Protein backbone atom coordinates (compact mmCIF):
# COMPACT_ATOMS: atom_id res chain seq x y z
CA MET A 1 -8.05 4.61 -8.42
CA ARG A 2 -7.93 2.08 -11.26
CA VAL A 3 -6.02 -0.94 -12.52
CA ILE A 4 -3.35 0.62 -14.73
CA SER A 5 -2.55 -2.08 -17.29
CA GLY A 6 -3.22 -5.60 -18.42
CA ALA A 7 -6.42 -7.61 -18.73
CA TRP A 8 -8.32 -5.41 -16.27
CA LYS A 9 -6.94 -2.06 -17.43
CA GLY A 10 -9.27 0.74 -16.34
CA LYS A 11 -11.21 -1.33 -13.78
CA LYS A 12 -12.18 0.95 -10.92
CA LEU A 13 -10.93 0.00 -7.45
CA ILE A 14 -12.66 1.21 -4.30
CA ALA A 15 -11.05 2.22 -1.02
CA PRO A 16 -12.71 2.44 2.39
CA GLU A 17 -13.51 5.83 3.88
CA GLY A 18 -11.20 7.21 6.55
CA GLU A 19 -7.52 6.96 7.31
CA ALA A 20 -7.23 3.20 7.93
CA VAL A 21 -6.00 2.55 4.37
CA ARG A 22 -3.51 4.55 2.31
CA PRO A 23 -3.70 3.08 -1.20
CA THR A 24 -0.55 3.15 -3.32
CA SER A 25 -1.02 5.95 -5.83
CA ASP A 26 -1.48 5.13 -9.51
CA ARG A 27 1.80 6.94 -10.21
CA ALA A 28 3.76 4.90 -7.65
CA ARG A 29 2.16 1.64 -8.87
CA GLN A 30 3.06 2.47 -12.46
CA ALA A 31 6.64 3.28 -11.40
CA LEU A 32 6.88 0.01 -9.47
CA PHE A 33 5.67 -2.14 -12.36
CA ASP A 34 7.93 -0.24 -14.77
CA MET A 35 10.83 -1.14 -12.47
CA LEU A 36 9.75 -4.78 -12.32
CA TRP A 37 9.60 -5.04 -16.11
CA HIS A 38 12.55 -2.87 -17.14
CA ALA A 39 15.18 -2.83 -14.38
CA PRO A 40 18.38 -4.86 -14.96
CA TRP A 41 17.26 -7.28 -12.23
CA GLY A 42 13.68 -7.45 -13.57
CA GLY A 43 11.86 -8.56 -16.70
CA ARG A 44 8.33 -9.45 -17.75
CA GLU A 45 8.84 -12.94 -16.35
CA VAL A 46 9.01 -11.43 -12.85
CA VAL A 47 5.26 -10.72 -13.06
CA ASP A 48 4.09 -13.08 -15.81
CA GLY A 49 3.43 -16.41 -14.13
CA ALA A 50 4.21 -15.11 -10.63
CA ALA A 51 2.76 -16.41 -7.39
CA VAL A 52 1.93 -13.16 -5.57
CA LEU A 53 1.56 -12.26 -1.92
CA ASP A 54 0.11 -8.83 -1.16
CA ALA A 55 0.61 -8.28 2.58
CA PHE A 56 -0.95 -5.25 4.30
CA ALA A 57 -3.12 -5.49 1.17
CA GLY A 58 -5.57 -2.67 1.84
CA THR A 59 -7.53 -2.31 -1.41
CA GLY A 60 -5.48 -5.04 -3.08
CA ALA A 61 -4.33 -2.65 -5.82
CA LEU A 62 -0.80 -4.08 -6.02
CA GLY A 63 -1.82 -7.74 -6.13
CA LEU A 64 -4.66 -7.07 -8.56
CA GLU A 65 -2.32 -5.10 -10.81
CA ALA A 66 0.03 -8.10 -10.85
CA LEU A 67 -2.84 -10.48 -11.68
CA SER A 68 -4.00 -8.15 -14.44
CA ARG A 69 -0.49 -8.25 -15.89
CA GLY A 70 -0.12 -12.03 -15.92
CA ALA A 71 0.52 -13.33 -12.39
CA VAL A 72 -1.07 -16.77 -11.97
CA ARG A 73 -2.23 -16.56 -8.37
CA ALA A 74 -2.43 -14.10 -5.51
CA THR A 75 -2.94 -14.21 -1.80
CA PHE A 76 -3.91 -11.08 0.11
CA ILE A 77 -3.33 -10.56 3.85
CA GLU A 78 -5.26 -7.74 5.54
CA LYS A 79 -6.65 -7.29 9.04
CA ASP A 80 -8.70 -4.07 8.89
CA ARG A 81 -12.43 -4.87 8.44
CA ALA A 82 -13.22 -1.91 6.18
CA ALA A 83 -10.16 -2.66 4.04
CA LEU A 84 -11.18 -6.33 3.84
CA ALA A 85 -14.61 -5.35 2.55
CA ALA A 86 -13.07 -3.08 -0.12
CA LEU A 87 -10.50 -5.74 -1.00
CA ARG A 88 -13.16 -8.42 -1.48
CA ALA A 89 -15.28 -6.01 -3.57
CA ASN A 90 -12.27 -5.18 -5.77
CA ILE A 91 -11.46 -8.87 -6.27
CA ALA A 92 -15.09 -9.55 -7.22
CA ASN A 93 -15.20 -6.53 -9.56
CA CYS A 94 -12.12 -7.84 -11.41
CA ARG A 95 -13.50 -11.40 -11.31
CA ALA A 96 -10.15 -12.46 -9.94
CA GLN A 97 -9.40 -15.84 -8.43
CA ALA A 98 -7.54 -15.02 -5.22
CA GLN A 99 -7.21 -16.06 -1.61
CA VAL A 100 -7.93 -13.52 1.12
CA ILE A 101 -6.54 -14.07 4.60
CA ALA A 102 -8.13 -11.91 7.28
CA GLY A 103 -5.10 -11.63 9.51
CA ASP A 104 -1.93 -9.91 10.56
CA ALA A 105 1.07 -9.99 8.22
CA THR A 106 3.37 -10.03 11.26
CA LYS A 107 1.68 -13.30 12.39
CA PRO A 108 0.91 -15.09 9.11
CA PRO A 109 -0.30 -18.66 8.74
CA ARG A 110 1.75 -21.13 6.73
CA PRO A 111 1.21 -20.84 2.97
CA ILE A 112 0.07 -23.55 0.60
CA ALA A 113 3.08 -22.59 -1.53
CA PRO A 114 5.66 -19.79 -1.30
CA ALA A 115 5.31 -16.57 -3.29
CA THR A 116 7.74 -15.39 -5.97
CA LEU A 117 6.56 -11.75 -5.99
CA ILE A 118 5.71 -10.12 -2.68
CA PHE A 119 4.23 -6.68 -1.99
CA LEU A 120 4.46 -5.22 1.51
CA ASP A 121 2.91 -1.82 2.17
CA PRO A 122 2.60 -1.45 5.96
CA PRO A 123 1.37 1.78 7.57
CA TYR A 124 4.09 4.42 7.38
CA GLY A 125 6.04 5.05 10.57
CA ALA A 126 4.68 1.98 12.39
CA GLY A 127 7.91 -0.08 12.23
CA LEU A 128 6.07 -3.13 10.85
CA LEU A 129 8.17 -3.89 7.77
CA ALA A 130 11.05 -5.71 9.49
CA PRO A 131 8.79 -7.84 11.75
CA ALA A 132 6.55 -8.71 8.79
CA LEU A 133 9.51 -9.71 6.61
CA ALA A 134 10.87 -11.92 9.39
CA ALA A 135 7.47 -13.52 10.10
CA LEU A 136 6.69 -14.17 6.43
CA ASP A 137 10.16 -15.63 5.94
CA GLN A 138 9.83 -17.87 9.01
CA ALA A 139 6.35 -19.07 7.93
CA GLY A 140 7.59 -20.06 4.46
CA TRP A 141 5.94 -17.39 2.30
CA ILE A 142 9.13 -16.25 0.56
CA ALA A 143 10.40 -18.45 -2.29
CA PRO A 144 14.16 -18.55 -3.01
CA GLY A 145 14.97 -15.66 -5.35
CA ALA A 146 11.62 -13.95 -4.73
CA LEU A 147 11.34 -10.21 -5.24
CA LEU A 148 10.02 -8.26 -2.28
CA CYS A 149 8.52 -4.90 -3.24
CA THR A 150 8.11 -2.76 -0.16
CA GLU A 151 6.64 0.69 0.28
CA LEU A 152 7.88 2.91 3.06
CA GLY A 153 7.27 6.47 4.16
CA LEU A 154 9.99 8.96 3.30
CA ARG A 155 11.16 9.08 6.93
CA ASP A 156 11.04 5.33 7.53
CA GLU A 157 14.39 3.60 8.00
CA ARG A 158 15.48 0.77 5.73
CA PRO A 159 14.96 -2.45 7.70
CA GLU A 160 17.85 -4.72 8.56
CA THR A 161 17.08 -8.02 6.84
CA ARG A 162 18.83 -10.98 5.23
CA PHE A 163 17.47 -9.89 1.84
CA THR A 164 19.59 -8.19 -0.84
CA PRO A 165 18.58 -4.62 -1.69
CA LEU A 166 18.16 -4.12 -5.45
CA ASP A 167 16.62 -0.66 -5.74
CA ASP A 168 15.48 2.23 -3.54
CA ARG A 169 13.48 5.06 -5.16
CA THR A 170 11.19 7.84 -4.04
CA HIS A 171 7.87 8.54 -5.77
CA GLY A 172 5.89 11.37 -4.20
CA LYS A 173 5.23 10.43 -0.56
CA ALA A 174 6.25 6.83 -1.16
CA ARG A 175 9.66 5.18 -1.02
CA LEU A 176 9.89 1.96 -3.02
CA LEU A 177 12.49 -0.47 -1.71
CA ILE A 178 13.01 -3.65 -3.73
CA LEU A 179 14.70 -6.62 -2.07
CA GLN A 180 15.56 -10.10 -3.30
CA ALA A 181 15.49 -13.32 -1.30
């Protein structure tokens, strides 16, 4: 697994052993960033200059990809110890400036500032997307107009939220659902 594009193109990212983390495939990440840059609701300015939140961060691949492509800051929320170790190693390997919160995305602390680009990739089938969206919204993480890029399993139901759905696509075993605040 590598950073696909931008300043850190080709940088290797590590993932912990075992089943605790399911990194977003390179193909799905490329498809997601293509959507962000080229969809009618997107554009390069969606990523360039963005304040990013990568919740259920795992390896941090999504947030690091955004930083590599021009995002100005990123915060990562992850609770699994092995994933946190891999995440911190990946941030160090990219020499990224980022904040890591060792915690639960369904019980987040208050942010310093809200995020304009948010990635949520909870474990498939666990029903965590809707509670995480509500908790992040309540805590102040979601800026007005922010894009929320979520990854679901193919069998996962679309969550009922206040956010406007913009796109819903399948890529391999992943379903990418894009919402707007």
